[in-house]
């Protein structure tokens, strides 16, 4: 049901990526996989959630290390497919990050990272037969953005902080 609804929203997702490409011109198509038998099918929801948290922490770390704003369009392998758990995403950034830097930062398993080309159907693959994950812009909270003493982030891309999926 969720996947069928996502398939009807593909033009909207594609348009959203096109809009973001103006401000965030650097992009990658990424597949993250995980080591360990617990990520083999069938997987529990708690394992799926743990994998998604690892991916989010990886993105937050990349953002801080490279002082880059990141926009992830993420999806996860559904638990009912019988396949090993993995995460697919189109990642956009306002700063160029080397593919090798992205790959070496992922410590939980294997990764495939390709430079994003809009016409190759990365968004279609990400949201067809995979379950979309809600995402927000990831801010490094460094100059010109800032973080106050309470931990609140004041981001220059505040108008983009809306929910992506």
N, C-alpha and C. Protein backbone atom coordinates (compact mmCIF):
# COMPACT_ATOMS: atom_id res chain seq x y z
N UNK A 1 0.82 -1.19 0.00
CA UNK A 1 0.00 0.00 0.00
C UNK A 1 0.87 1.26 0.00
N UNK A 2 1.86 1.31 0.90
CA UNK A 2 2.75 2.47 0.97
C UNK A 2 3.54 2.61 -0.32
N UNK A 3 4.04 1.49 -0.82
CA UNK A 3 4.86 1.52 -2.03
C UNK A 3 4.05 1.98 -3.23
N UNK A 4 2.80 1.52 -3.34
CA UNK A 4 1.95 1.95 -4.46
C UNK A 4 1.68 3.45 -4.39
N UNK A 5 1.47 3.97 -3.17
CA UNK A 5 1.25 5.41 -3.02
C UNK A 5 2.50 6.19 -3.42
N UNK A 6 3.68 5.67 -3.02
CA UNK A 6 4.93 6.32 -3.39
C UNK A 6 5.11 6.36 -4.89
N UNK A 7 4.74 5.28 -5.57
CA UNK A 7 4.88 5.23 -7.03
C UNK A 7 4.04 6.30 -7.71
N UNK A 8 2.88 6.61 -7.14
CA UNK A 8 2.06 7.68 -7.71
C UNK A 8 2.67 9.06 -7.44
N UNK A 9 3.52 9.15 -6.40
CA UNK A 9 4.15 10.42 -6.04
C UNK A 9 5.51 10.63 -6.72
N UNK A 10 5.96 9.69 -7.54
CA UNK A 10 7.28 9.80 -8.18
C UNK A 10 7.50 11.12 -8.91
N UNK A 11 6.54 11.63 -9.69
CA UNK A 11 6.77 12.92 -10.34
C UNK A 11 7.02 14.05 -9.34
N UNK A 12 6.30 14.01 -8.21
CA UNK A 12 6.50 15.03 -7.18
C UNK A 12 7.89 14.91 -6.55
N UNK A 13 8.34 13.69 -6.26
CA UNK A 13 9.67 13.49 -5.69
C UNK A 13 10.74 13.96 -6.67
N UNK A 14 10.56 13.62 -7.93
CA UNK A 14 11.52 14.02 -8.96
C UNK A 14 11.59 15.53 -9.08
N UNK A 15 10.45 16.19 -9.04
CA UNK A 15 10.37 17.64 -9.10
C UNK A 15 11.04 18.28 -7.88
N UNK A 16 10.86 17.65 -6.73
CA UNK A 16 11.47 18.14 -5.50
C UNK A 16 13.00 18.09 -5.60
N UNK A 17 13.53 17.01 -6.14
CA UNK A 17 14.98 16.90 -6.32
C UNK A 17 15.46 17.98 -7.29
N UNK A 18 14.73 18.20 -8.37
CA UNK A 18 15.10 19.23 -9.34
C UNK A 18 15.15 20.60 -8.68
N UNK A 19 14.18 20.89 -7.81
CA UNK A 19 14.16 22.17 -7.10
C UNK A 19 15.37 22.32 -6.19
N UNK A 20 15.70 21.26 -5.47
CA UNK A 20 16.83 21.31 -4.54
C UNK A 20 18.17 21.39 -5.27
N UNK A 21 18.26 20.87 -6.49
CA UNK A 21 19.52 20.88 -7.23
C UNK A 21 20.04 22.29 -7.51
N UNK A 22 19.15 23.27 -7.52
CA UNK A 22 19.59 24.65 -7.72
C UNK A 22 20.46 25.13 -6.56
N UNK A 23 20.06 24.79 -5.34
CA UNK A 23 20.77 25.23 -4.14
C UNK A 23 21.81 24.22 -3.69
N UNK A 24 21.55 22.95 -3.95
CA UNK A 24 22.43 21.85 -3.52
C UNK A 24 22.90 21.10 -4.77
N UNK A 25 23.90 21.64 -5.48
CA UNK A 25 24.25 21.12 -6.80
C UNK A 25 25.02 19.80 -6.83
N UNK A 26 25.53 19.35 -5.70
CA UNK A 26 26.32 18.12 -5.66
C UNK A 26 25.44 16.98 -5.18
N UNK A 27 25.48 15.87 -5.89
CA UNK A 27 24.60 14.76 -5.52
C UNK A 27 25.21 13.40 -5.77
N UNK A 28 24.73 12.41 -5.03
CA UNK A 28 25.18 11.03 -5.14
C UNK A 28 24.00 10.09 -5.00
N UNK A 29 24.07 8.97 -5.71
CA UNK A 29 23.13 7.87 -5.49
C UNK A 29 23.88 6.86 -4.63
N UNK A 30 23.30 6.52 -3.48
CA UNK A 30 24.01 5.72 -2.48
C UNK A 30 23.18 4.51 -2.08
N UNK A 31 23.84 3.37 -1.97
CA UNK A 31 23.26 2.17 -1.36
C UNK A 31 24.13 1.80 -0.17
N UNK A 32 23.52 1.72 0.99
CA UNK A 32 24.21 1.33 2.22
C UNK A 32 23.75 -0.05 2.62
N UNK A 33 24.68 -0.95 2.86
CA UNK A 33 24.32 -2.28 3.36
C UNK A 33 24.98 -2.48 4.72
N UNK A 34 24.55 -3.50 5.42
CA UNK A 34 24.99 -3.73 6.79
C UNK A 34 25.58 -5.12 6.93
N UNK A 35 26.63 -5.22 7.74
CA UNK A 35 27.21 -6.52 8.06
C UNK A 35 26.48 -7.12 9.25
N UNK A 36 26.48 -8.42 9.33
CA UNK A 36 25.87 -9.10 10.46
C UNK A 36 24.64 -9.88 10.06
N UNK A 37 24.47 -11.02 10.71
CA UNK A 37 23.34 -11.90 10.39
C UNK A 37 21.99 -11.28 10.74
N UNK A 38 21.98 -10.36 11.71
CA UNK A 38 20.69 -9.76 12.10
C UNK A 38 20.08 -8.94 10.98
N UNK A 39 20.88 -8.52 9.98
CA UNK A 39 20.37 -7.75 8.85
C UNK A 39 19.95 -8.62 7.67
N UNK A 40 20.06 -9.95 7.84
CA UNK A 40 19.57 -10.87 6.81
C UNK A 40 18.08 -11.07 7.01
N UNK A 41 17.40 -11.40 5.94
CA UNK A 41 15.95 -11.61 6.01
C UNK A 41 15.64 -12.87 6.80
N UNK A 42 14.57 -12.92 7.52
CA UNK A 42 13.68 -11.81 7.85
C UNK A 42 14.28 -10.96 8.97
N UNK A 43 14.03 -9.66 8.90
CA UNK A 43 14.57 -8.77 9.93
C UNK A 43 13.43 -8.22 10.78
N UNK A 44 13.73 -7.95 12.02
CA UNK A 44 12.75 -7.37 12.94
C UNK A 44 12.69 -5.85 12.72
N UNK A 45 11.57 -5.26 13.11
CA UNK A 45 11.42 -3.81 12.99
C UNK A 45 12.48 -3.07 13.80
N UNK A 46 12.85 -3.63 14.95
CA UNK A 46 13.86 -2.97 15.79
C UNK A 46 15.22 -2.93 15.08
N UNK A 47 15.55 -3.98 14.33
CA UNK A 47 16.81 -4.01 13.58
C UNK A 47 16.75 -2.99 12.43
N UNK A 48 15.59 -2.92 11.78
CA UNK A 48 15.39 -1.94 10.70
C UNK A 48 15.57 -0.53 11.25
N UNK A 49 14.95 -0.24 12.39
CA UNK A 49 15.06 1.08 13.00
C UNK A 49 16.50 1.39 13.39
N UNK A 50 17.22 0.40 13.91
CA UNK A 50 18.62 0.59 14.29
C UNK A 50 19.46 0.92 13.04
N UNK A 51 19.19 0.25 11.94
CA UNK A 51 19.89 0.53 10.69
C UNK A 51 19.63 1.95 10.20
N UNK A 52 18.38 2.38 10.29
CA UNK A 52 18.03 3.75 9.88
C UNK A 52 18.71 4.78 10.78
N UNK A 53 18.81 4.49 12.08
CA UNK A 53 19.52 5.40 13.00
C UNK A 53 21.01 5.49 12.65
N UNK A 54 21.61 4.35 12.29
CA UNK A 54 23.02 4.36 11.88
C UNK A 54 23.22 5.22 10.64
N UNK A 55 22.30 5.12 9.69
CA UNK A 55 22.41 5.93 8.47
C UNK A 55 22.27 7.42 8.80
N UNK A 56 21.33 7.77 9.68
CA UNK A 56 21.16 9.17 10.07
C UNK A 56 22.40 9.70 10.78
N UNK A 57 22.97 8.90 11.67
CA UNK A 57 24.16 9.36 12.39
C UNK A 57 25.33 9.53 11.42
N UNK A 58 25.43 8.66 10.42
CA UNK A 58 26.45 8.78 9.38
C UNK A 58 26.29 10.10 8.63
N UNK A 59 25.05 10.42 8.27
CA UNK A 59 24.78 11.67 7.55
C UNK A 59 25.10 12.89 8.41
N UNK A 60 24.75 12.84 9.68
CA UNK A 60 25.03 13.96 10.57
C UNK A 60 26.54 14.15 10.74
N UNK A 61 27.26 13.05 10.85
CA UNK A 61 28.72 13.12 10.97
C UNK A 61 29.33 13.72 9.71
N UNK A 62 28.89 13.27 8.53
CA UNK A 62 29.38 13.81 7.26
C UNK A 62 29.13 15.32 7.18
N UNK A 63 27.95 15.73 7.61
CA UNK A 63 27.59 17.14 7.57
C UNK A 63 28.54 17.96 8.43
N UNK A 64 28.81 17.48 9.63
CA UNK A 64 29.71 18.23 10.53
C UNK A 64 31.16 18.24 10.02
N UNK A 65 31.65 17.08 9.59
CA UNK A 65 33.04 16.97 9.15
C UNK A 65 33.33 17.83 7.92
N UNK A 66 32.39 17.86 6.98
CA UNK A 66 32.59 18.57 5.72
C UNK A 66 31.93 19.95 5.70
N UNK A 67 31.34 20.36 6.84
CA UNK A 67 30.63 21.65 6.93
C UNK A 67 29.66 21.82 5.77
N UNK A 68 28.90 20.76 5.51
CA UNK A 68 27.98 20.74 4.37
C UNK A 68 26.55 20.52 4.83
N UNK A 69 25.64 21.18 4.15
CA UNK A 69 24.21 20.90 4.34
C UNK A 69 23.87 19.72 3.44
N UNK A 70 23.17 18.75 3.98
CA UNK A 70 22.82 17.54 3.23
C UNK A 70 21.32 17.39 3.15
N UNK A 71 20.85 16.93 2.00
CA UNK A 71 19.43 16.61 1.82
C UNK A 71 19.34 15.16 1.35
N UNK A 72 18.91 14.27 2.24
CA UNK A 72 18.79 12.86 1.86
C UNK A 72 17.37 12.51 1.42
N UNK A 73 17.23 11.88 0.29
CA UNK A 73 15.97 11.27 -0.14
C UNK A 73 16.18 9.77 0.08
N UNK A 74 15.69 9.25 1.20
CA UNK A 74 16.02 7.89 1.64
C UNK A 74 14.86 6.92 1.49
N UNK A 75 15.23 5.66 1.30
CA UNK A 75 14.25 4.57 1.36
C UNK A 75 14.95 3.34 1.92
N UNK A 76 14.15 2.45 2.47
CA UNK A 76 14.70 1.25 3.08
C UNK A 76 14.05 0.02 2.46
N UNK A 77 14.81 -1.06 2.47
CA UNK A 77 14.31 -2.34 1.97
C UNK A 77 13.14 -2.78 2.85
N UNK A 78 11.98 -3.08 2.28
CA UNK A 78 10.86 -3.54 3.11
C UNK A 78 11.18 -4.89 3.76
N UNK A 79 10.62 -5.11 4.93
CA UNK A 79 10.89 -6.35 5.66
C UNK A 79 10.27 -7.56 4.98
N UNK A 80 9.25 -7.37 4.15
CA UNK A 80 8.53 -8.51 3.56
C UNK A 80 9.17 -9.04 2.27
N UNK A 81 10.23 -8.42 1.77
CA UNK A 81 10.80 -8.86 0.50
C UNK A 81 11.65 -10.11 0.61
N UNK A 82 12.15 -10.38 1.81
CA UNK A 82 13.02 -11.54 1.97
C UNK A 82 14.46 -11.25 1.57
N UNK A 83 14.75 -9.99 1.29
CA UNK A 83 16.12 -9.59 0.93
C UNK A 83 16.84 -9.05 2.15
N UNK A 84 18.14 -9.00 2.05
CA UNK A 84 18.97 -8.42 3.10
C UNK A 84 18.65 -6.93 3.23
N UNK A 85 18.65 -6.41 4.46
CA UNK A 85 18.29 -5.02 4.71
C UNK A 85 19.35 -4.08 4.12
N UNK A 86 18.89 -3.06 3.43
CA UNK A 86 19.77 -2.03 2.88
C UNK A 86 18.99 -0.72 2.79
N UNK A 87 19.73 0.35 2.62
CA UNK A 87 19.15 1.67 2.50
C UNK A 87 19.63 2.27 1.18
N UNK A 88 18.70 2.87 0.45
CA UNK A 88 19.02 3.54 -0.81
C UNK A 88 18.70 5.01 -0.63
N UNK A 89 19.52 5.87 -1.22
CA UNK A 89 19.23 7.29 -1.11
C UNK A 89 19.85 8.08 -2.25
N UNK A 90 19.21 9.19 -2.52
CA UNK A 90 19.80 10.24 -3.34
C UNK A 90 20.17 11.32 -2.33
N UNK A 91 21.45 11.63 -2.27
CA UNK A 91 21.96 12.60 -1.30
C UNK A 91 22.44 13.84 -2.03
N UNK A 92 21.90 14.99 -1.67
CA UNK A 92 22.29 16.27 -2.26
C UNK A 92 23.06 17.08 -1.22
N UNK A 93 24.00 17.91 -1.70
CA UNK A 93 24.82 18.70 -0.79
C UNK A 93 25.14 20.06 -1.41
N UNK A 94 25.37 21.03 -0.54
CA UNK A 94 25.79 22.34 -1.03
C UNK A 94 27.31 22.42 -1.18
N UNK A 95 28.02 21.40 -0.73
CA UNK A 95 29.48 21.34 -0.86
C UNK A 95 29.87 20.03 -1.54
N UNK A 96 30.95 20.09 -2.30
CA UNK A 96 31.44 18.87 -2.95
C UNK A 96 32.17 18.01 -1.93
N UNK A 97 31.82 16.74 -1.90
CA UNK A 97 32.48 15.76 -1.03
C UNK A 97 32.95 14.64 -1.94
N UNK A 98 34.19 14.22 -1.77
CA UNK A 98 34.73 13.15 -2.61
C UNK A 98 34.02 11.84 -2.32
N UNK A 99 33.80 11.06 -3.37
CA UNK A 99 33.14 9.76 -3.23
C UNK A 99 33.92 8.87 -2.26
N UNK A 100 35.24 8.90 -2.34
CA UNK A 100 36.05 8.08 -1.43
C UNK A 100 35.87 8.50 0.02
N UNK A 101 35.66 9.79 0.28
CA UNK A 101 35.40 10.26 1.64
C UNK A 101 34.06 9.73 2.15
N UNK A 102 33.07 9.70 1.28
CA UNK A 102 31.77 9.16 1.65
C UNK A 102 31.88 7.67 1.95
N UNK A 103 32.56 6.94 1.06
CA UNK A 103 32.69 5.49 1.22
C UNK A 103 33.46 5.12 2.49
N UNK A 104 34.56 5.81 2.73
CA UNK A 104 35.39 5.45 3.88
C UNK A 104 34.71 5.78 5.21
N UNK A 105 33.75 6.68 5.19
CA UNK A 105 33.06 7.05 6.42
C UNK A 105 32.01 6.01 6.85
N UNK A 106 31.55 5.18 5.94
CA UNK A 106 30.53 4.16 6.27
C UNK A 106 31.23 2.94 6.85
N UNK A 107 31.03 2.69 8.14
CA UNK A 107 31.75 1.64 8.86
C UNK A 107 30.90 0.41 9.18
N UNK A 108 29.64 0.39 8.72
CA UNK A 108 28.72 -0.68 9.13
C UNK A 108 28.53 -1.78 8.11
N UNK A 109 29.20 -1.70 6.99
CA UNK A 109 29.04 -2.69 5.94
C UNK A 109 29.57 -2.14 4.62
N UNK A 110 28.99 -2.62 3.54
CA UNK A 110 29.41 -2.18 2.20
C UNK A 110 28.57 -1.00 1.74
N UNK A 111 29.13 -0.28 0.80
CA UNK A 111 28.40 0.83 0.22
C UNK A 111 28.73 0.95 -1.26
N UNK A 112 27.74 1.39 -2.02
CA UNK A 112 27.93 1.70 -3.44
C UNK A 112 27.53 3.16 -3.59
N UNK A 113 28.44 3.97 -4.10
CA UNK A 113 28.18 5.40 -4.25
C UNK A 113 28.55 5.81 -5.67
N UNK A 114 27.60 6.42 -6.34
CA UNK A 114 27.80 6.94 -7.70
C UNK A 114 27.40 8.41 -7.71
N UNK A 115 28.06 9.19 -8.53
CA UNK A 115 27.65 10.57 -8.71
C UNK A 115 26.23 10.58 -9.27
N UNK A 116 25.38 11.42 -8.69
CA UNK A 116 23.97 11.45 -9.09
C UNK A 116 23.80 12.13 -10.44
N UNK A 117 23.12 11.43 -11.33
CA UNK A 117 22.74 11.98 -12.63
C UNK A 117 21.22 11.88 -12.70
N UNK A 118 20.61 13.03 -12.80
CA UNK A 118 19.16 13.13 -12.69
C UNK A 118 18.40 12.26 -13.71
N UNK A 119 18.96 12.10 -14.89
CA UNK A 119 18.26 11.39 -15.95
C UNK A 119 18.41 9.86 -15.88
N UNK A 120 19.17 9.33 -14.90
CA UNK A 120 19.36 7.88 -14.81
C UNK A 120 18.34 7.17 -13.92
N UNK A 121 17.42 7.90 -13.34
CA UNK A 121 16.33 7.26 -12.60
C UNK A 121 16.64 6.88 -11.17
N UNK A 122 17.53 7.61 -10.51
CA UNK A 122 17.86 7.30 -9.12
C UNK A 122 16.67 7.45 -8.18
N UNK A 123 15.86 8.48 -8.40
CA UNK A 123 14.67 8.68 -7.56
C UNK A 123 13.66 7.57 -7.81
N UNK A 124 13.50 7.17 -9.05
CA UNK A 124 12.57 6.09 -9.37
C UNK A 124 12.98 4.80 -8.67
N UNK A 125 14.26 4.47 -8.72
CA UNK A 125 14.73 3.25 -8.05
C UNK A 125 14.56 3.36 -6.54
N UNK A 126 14.88 4.52 -5.99
CA UNK A 126 14.81 4.71 -4.54
C UNK A 126 13.39 4.52 -4.01
N UNK A 127 12.40 5.00 -4.73
CA UNK A 127 11.03 4.96 -4.21
C UNK A 127 10.14 3.94 -4.91
N UNK A 128 10.70 3.04 -5.70
CA UNK A 128 9.94 1.94 -6.28
C UNK A 128 10.40 0.66 -5.59
N UNK A 129 9.48 -0.06 -5.00
CA UNK A 129 9.75 -1.31 -4.28
C UNK A 129 10.58 -1.11 -3.01
N UNK A 130 10.68 0.10 -2.52
CA UNK A 130 11.33 0.41 -1.25
C UNK A 130 10.43 1.36 -0.47
N UNK A 131 10.57 1.39 0.83
CA UNK A 131 9.72 2.24 1.66
C UNK A 131 10.47 3.53 1.98
N UNK A 132 9.87 4.66 1.61
CA UNK A 132 10.47 5.96 1.84
C UNK A 132 10.59 6.26 3.32
N UNK A 133 11.63 7.02 3.65
CA UNK A 133 11.91 7.40 5.03
C UNK A 133 11.79 8.91 5.12
N UNK A 134 11.11 9.41 6.15
CA UNK A 134 10.98 10.84 6.33
C UNK A 134 12.35 11.46 6.57
N UNK A 135 12.61 12.57 5.90
CA UNK A 135 13.92 13.20 6.00
C UNK A 135 13.79 14.71 6.11
N UNK A 136 14.76 15.30 6.76
CA UNK A 136 14.89 16.74 6.90
C UNK A 136 16.28 17.12 6.42
N UNK A 137 16.46 18.40 6.13
CA UNK A 137 17.80 18.88 5.80
C UNK A 137 18.70 18.67 7.02
N UNK A 138 19.92 18.28 6.76
CA UNK A 138 20.88 18.06 7.84
C UNK A 138 21.87 19.22 7.81
N UNK A 139 21.88 19.99 8.89
CA UNK A 139 22.69 21.20 8.99
C UNK A 139 23.91 20.94 9.87
N UNK A 140 25.09 21.40 9.46
CA UNK A 140 26.28 21.19 10.28
C UNK A 140 26.36 22.09 11.50
N UNK A 141 25.49 23.11 11.57
CA UNK A 141 25.47 24.07 12.68
C UNK A 141 26.82 24.78 12.82
N UNK A 142 27.45 25.05 11.68
CA UNK A 142 28.71 25.81 11.65
C UNK A 142 28.48 27.07 10.83
N UNK A 143 29.42 27.98 10.93
CA UNK A 143 29.34 29.26 10.24
C UNK A 143 28.96 29.08 8.77
N UNK A 144 27.94 29.71 8.23
CA UNK A 144 27.16 30.82 8.75
C UNK A 144 25.97 30.40 9.62
N UNK A 145 25.70 29.12 9.74
CA UNK A 145 24.65 28.66 10.65
C UNK A 145 25.23 28.65 12.06
N UNK A 146 24.37 28.48 13.04
CA UNK A 146 24.89 28.41 14.40
C UNK A 146 23.96 27.60 15.29
N UNK A 147 24.51 27.18 16.43
CA UNK A 147 23.76 26.44 17.43
C UNK A 147 23.85 27.23 18.73
N UNK A 148 22.70 27.44 19.39
CA UNK A 148 22.75 28.18 20.65
C UNK A 148 23.01 27.25 21.83
N UNK A 149 23.05 27.79 23.02
CA UNK A 149 23.35 27.00 24.22
C UNK A 149 22.31 25.92 24.51
N UNK A 150 21.10 26.13 24.05
CA UNK A 150 20.02 25.15 24.25
C UNK A 150 20.04 24.05 23.20
N UNK A 151 20.96 24.14 22.25
CA UNK A 151 21.05 23.13 21.20
C UNK A 151 20.19 23.40 19.99
N UNK A 152 19.52 24.56 19.96
CA UNK A 152 18.70 24.91 18.80
C UNK A 152 19.60 25.36 17.66
N UNK A 153 19.27 24.92 16.46
CA UNK A 153 20.08 25.26 15.29
C UNK A 153 19.37 26.36 14.50
N UNK A 154 20.14 27.37 14.15
CA UNK A 154 19.66 28.45 13.30
C UNK A 154 20.37 28.31 11.96
N UNK A 155 19.63 27.82 10.98
CA UNK A 155 20.19 27.44 9.69
C UNK A 155 19.88 28.48 8.63
N UNK A 156 20.86 28.73 7.73
CA UNK A 156 20.63 29.68 6.64
C UNK A 156 19.62 29.16 5.63
N UNK A 157 19.44 27.83 5.60
CA UNK A 157 18.47 27.23 4.68
C UNK A 157 17.17 26.93 5.40
N UNK A 158 16.76 27.82 6.30
CA UNK A 158 15.58 27.56 7.12
C UNK A 158 14.34 27.30 6.28
N UNK A 159 14.24 27.96 5.12
CA UNK A 159 13.05 27.74 4.28
C UNK A 159 13.02 26.32 3.72
N UNK A 160 14.15 25.62 3.72
CA UNK A 160 14.22 24.26 3.21
C UNK A 160 14.04 23.20 4.31
N UNK A 161 13.80 23.60 5.54
CA UNK A 161 13.78 22.65 6.65
C UNK A 161 12.48 21.84 6.69
N UNK A 162 11.63 21.99 5.72
CA UNK A 162 10.38 21.25 5.70
C UNK A 162 10.63 19.76 5.45
N UNK A 163 9.64 18.98 5.73
CA UNK A 163 9.72 17.55 5.54
C UNK A 163 9.88 17.23 4.05
N UNK A 164 10.78 16.32 3.74
CA UNK A 164 11.05 15.99 2.34
C UNK A 164 10.04 14.98 1.82
N UNK A 165 9.80 13.91 2.55
CA UNK A 165 8.85 12.90 2.10
C UNK A 165 7.56 13.02 2.87
